[in-house]
Amino acid sequence: MNRWYGKLLGFIAGWLLLRHPAGGLIGLLLGHAFDADWFRGPRENPWRVLGLTDEASDAEVDLAYRRLITQYHPDKLSGVADELRRQAEARAREINAAYDRIKTLRKR
């Protein structure tokens, strides 16, 4: 993460609220915590969503993604009940997000 604005805003807010340099330091630490996503909930393991381990090859990831997305794609479920279609759409979004996350992690 190359975010810096949380640190700056935290420093300014801490200094102004506590009217002391220690307040700036506390705000700087809180801003760093927000920049580093310490307060975000735990992310779902993207490999678990696709039914793989983190040691899977790119070919295995692509194969698992294609298999799952063809199974849960909303266009494949055109004649089913609305509730089932909504669940399939949510699962397809989850699969797409996991695949994108794995691809992003592999690029690094």
C-alpha atoms as a PDB file:
ATOM      1  CA  MET A   1       0.000   0.000   0.000  1.00  0.00           C
ATOM      2  CA  ASN A   2       1.348   3.389  -0.948  1.00  0.00           C
ATOM      3  CA  ARG A   3      -1.303   5.410   0.788  1.00  0.00           C
ATOM      4  CA  TRP A   4      -0.094   8.356   2.814  1.00  0.00           C
ATOM      5  CA  TYR A   5      -3.102  10.592   3.318  1.00  0.00           C
ATOM      6  CA  GLY A   6      -4.310   8.748   6.428  1.00  0.00           C
ATOM      7  CA  LYS A   7      -1.067   9.549   8.190  1.00  0.00           C
ATOM      8  CA  LEU A   8      -1.245  13.215   7.231  1.00  0.00           C
ATOM      9  CA  LEU A   9      -4.897  13.625   8.184  1.00  0.00           C
ATOM     10  CA  GLY A  10      -4.366  11.681  11.400  1.00  0.00           C
ATOM     11  CA  PHE A  11      -1.415  13.853  12.366  1.00  0.00           C
ATOM     12  CA  ILE A  12      -3.340  17.081  11.738  1.00  0.00           C
ATOM     13  CA  ALA A  13      -6.478  15.863  13.501  1.00  0.00           C
ATOM     14  CA  GLY A  14      -4.519  14.562  16.503  1.00  0.00           C
ATOM     15  CA  TRP A  15      -2.571  17.804  16.848  1.00  0.00           C
ATOM     16  CA  LEU A  16      -5.710  19.925  16.609  1.00  0.00           C
ATOM     17  CA  LEU A  17      -7.817  17.798  18.934  1.00  0.00           C
ATOM     18  CA  LEU A  18      -5.253  17.393  21.708  1.00  0.00           C
ATOM     19  CA  ARG A  19      -3.373  20.666  21.066  1.00  0.00           C
ATOM     20  CA  HIS A  20      -0.092  18.973  21.830  1.00  0.00           C
ATOM     21  CA  PRO A  21       2.666  17.341  19.747  1.00  0.00           C
ATOM     22  CA  ALA A  22       1.849  14.003  21.391  1.00  0.00           C
ATOM     23  CA  GLY A  23      -1.621  14.293  19.845  1.00  0.00           C
ATOM     24  CA  GLY A  24       0.018  14.567  16.445  1.00  0.00           C
ATOM     25  CA  LEU A  25       1.975  11.397  17.142  1.00  0.00           C
ATOM     26  CA  ILE A  26      -1.145   9.525  18.231  1.00  0.00           C
ATOM     27  CA  GLY A  27      -2.983  10.743  15.131  1.00  0.00           C
ATOM     28  CA  LEU A  28      -0.045   9.704  12.963  1.00  0.00           C
ATOM     29  CA  LEU A  29      -0.165   6.193  14.394  1.00  0.00           C
ATOM     30  CA  LEU A  30      -3.918   5.941  13.862  1.00  0.00           C
ATOM     31  CA  GLY A  31      -3.528   7.246  10.317  1.00  0.00           C
ATOM     32  CA  HIS A  32      -0.892   4.618   9.622  1.00  0.00           C
ATOM     33  CA  ALA A  33      -3.236   1.940  10.947  1.00  0.00           C
ATOM     34  CA  PHE A  34      -5.938   3.062   8.516  1.00  0.00           C
ATOM     35  CA  ASP A  35      -3.467   3.243   5.628  1.00  0.00           C
ATOM     36  CA  ALA A  36      -2.264  -0.280   6.374  1.00  0.00           C
ATOM     37  CA  ASP A  37      -5.867  -1.621   6.578  1.00  0.00           C
ATOM     38  CA  TRP A  38      -5.512  -2.807  10.155  1.00  0.00           C
ATOM     39  CA  PHE A  39      -9.181  -2.099  10.805  1.00  0.00           C
ATOM     40  CA  ARG A  40     -10.500  -3.982   7.799  1.00  0.00           C
ATOM     41  CA  GLY A  41     -11.994  -7.351   8.551  1.00  0.00           C
ATOM     42  CA  PRO A  42     -10.192 -10.515   7.550  1.00  0.00           C
ATOM     43  CA  ARG A  43     -10.327 -11.253   3.871  1.00  0.00           C
ATOM     44  CA  GLU A  44     -11.603 -14.522   2.570  1.00  0.00           C
ATOM     45  CA  ASN A  45      -8.856 -16.824   1.381  1.00  0.00           C
ATOM     46  CA  PRO A  46      -9.176 -16.594  -2.429  1.00  0.00           C
ATOM     47  CA  TRP A  47      -7.710 -20.044  -2.976  1.00  0.00           C
ATOM     48  CA  ARG A  48     -10.314 -21.598  -0.684  1.00  0.00           C
ATOM     49  CA  VAL A  49     -13.094 -19.954  -2.706  1.00  0.00           C
ATOM     50  CA  LEU A  50     -11.792 -21.701  -5.825  1.00  0.00           C
ATOM     51  CA  GLY A  51     -11.198 -24.958  -3.950  1.00  0.00           C
ATOM     52  CA  LEU A  52      -7.405 -24.859  -4.324  1.00  0.00           C
ATOM     53  CA  THR A  53      -4.292 -24.484  -2.204  1.00  0.00           C
ATOM     54  CA  ASP A  54      -1.919 -21.541  -2.473  1.00  0.00           C
ATOM     55  CA  GLU A  55       0.593 -23.809  -4.218  1.00  0.00           C
ATOM     56  CA  ALA A  56      -1.688 -24.327  -7.235  1.00  0.00           C
ATOM     57  CA  SER A  57      -0.258 -23.458 -10.625  1.00  0.00           C
ATOM     58  CA  ASP A  58      -1.693 -20.790 -12.902  1.00  0.00           C
ATOM     59  CA  ALA A  59      -3.220 -23.458 -15.121  1.00  0.00           C
ATOM     60  CA  GLU A  60      -4.982 -25.046 -12.142  1.00  0.00           C
ATOM     61  CA  VAL A  61      -6.289 -21.653 -11.020  1.00  0.00           C
ATOM     62  CA  ASP A  62      -7.626 -20.912 -14.510  1.00  0.00           C
ATOM     63  CA  LEU A  63      -9.236 -24.346 -14.767  1.00  0.00           C
ATOM     64  CA  ALA A  64     -10.912 -24.065 -11.353  1.00  0.00           C
ATOM     65  CA  TYR A  65     -12.149 -20.554 -12.184  1.00  0.00           C
ATOM     66  CA  ARG A  66     -13.654 -21.640 -15.510  1.00  0.00           C
ATOM     67  CA  ARG A  67     -15.285 -24.695 -13.945  1.00  0.00           C
ATOM     68  CA  LEU A  68     -16.882 -22.698 -11.120  1.00  0.00           C
ATOM     69  CA  ILE A  69     -17.938 -19.688 -13.171  1.00  0.00           C
ATOM     70  CA  THR A  70     -19.691 -21.874 -15.744  1.00  0.00           C
ATOM     71  CA  GLN A  71     -21.509 -23.603 -12.897  1.00  0.00           C
ATOM     72  CA  TYR A  72     -22.624 -20.403 -11.113  1.00  0.00           C
ATOM     73  CA  HIS A  73     -22.916 -17.870 -13.929  1.00  0.00           C
ATOM     74  CA  PRO A  74     -26.345 -16.188 -13.751  1.00  0.00           C
ATOM     75  CA  ASP A  75     -26.923 -16.492 -17.508  1.00  0.00           C
ATOM     76  CA  LYS A  76     -26.756 -20.286 -17.196  1.00  0.00           C
ATOM     77  CA  LEU A  77     -29.584 -20.187 -14.644  1.00  0.00           C
ATOM     78  CA  SER A  78     -32.169 -18.269 -16.639  1.00  0.00           C
ATOM     79  CA  GLY A  79     -35.140 -20.504 -15.821  1.00  0.00           C
ATOM     80  CA  VAL A  80     -34.751 -20.862 -12.059  1.00  0.00           C
ATOM     81  CA  ALA A  81     -36.364 -19.089  -9.128  1.00  0.00           C
ATOM     82  CA  ASP A  82     -35.313 -15.537  -8.291  1.00  0.00           C
ATOM     83  CA  GLU A  83     -33.814 -16.488  -4.928  1.00  0.00           C
ATOM     84  CA  LEU A  84     -31.611 -19.159  -6.488  1.00  0.00           C
ATOM     85  CA  ARG A  85     -30.566 -16.751  -9.216  1.00  0.00           C
ATOM     86  CA  ARG A  86     -29.577 -14.112  -6.615  1.00  0.00           C
ATOM     87  CA  GLN A  87     -27.520 -16.692  -4.738  1.00  0.00           C
ATOM     88  CA  ALA A  88     -25.782 -17.685  -7.972  1.00  0.00           C
ATOM     89  CA  GLU A  89     -25.029 -14.037  -8.765  1.00  0.00           C
ATOM     90  CA  ALA A  90     -23.510 -13.553  -5.308  1.00  0.00           C
ATOM     91  CA  ARG A  91     -21.416 -16.699  -5.683  1.00  0.00           C
ATOM     92  CA  ALA A  92     -20.269 -15.612  -9.171  1.00  0.00           C
ATOM     93  CA  ARG A  93     -19.193 -12.225  -7.748  1.00  0.00           C
ATOM     94  CA  GLU A  94     -17.282 -14.032  -5.007  1.00  0.00           C
ATOM     95  CA  ILE A  95     -15.572 -16.310  -7.545  1.00  0.00           C
ATOM     96  CA  ASN A  96     -14.628 -13.361  -9.772  1.00  0.00           C
ATOM     97  CA  ALA A  97     -13.237 -11.423  -6.802  1.00  0.00           C
ATOM     98  CA  ALA A  98     -11.178 -14.422  -5.669  1.00  0.00           C
ATOM     99  CA  TYR A  99      -9.804 -14.964  -9.180  1.00  0.00           C
ATOM    100  CA  ASP A 100      -8.885 -11.286  -9.503  1.00  0.00           C
ATOM    101  CA  ARG A 101      -7.224 -11.345  -6.082  1.00  0.00           C
ATOM    102  CA  ILE A 102      -5.137 -14.406  -6.986  1.00  0.00           C
ATOM    103  CA  LYS A 103      -4.073 -12.836 -10.283  1.00  0.00           C
ATOM    104  CA  THR A 104      -3.086  -9.626  -8.465  1.00  0.00           C
ATOM    105  CA  LEU A 105      -1.088 -11.574  -5.886  1.00  0.00           C
ATOM    106  CA  ARG A 106       0.669 -13.579  -8.601  1.00  0.00           C
ATOM    107  CA  LYS A 107       1.737 -10.424 -10.430  1.00  0.00           C
ATOM    108  CA  ARG A 108       3.657  -9.262  -7.371  1.00  0.00           C
END
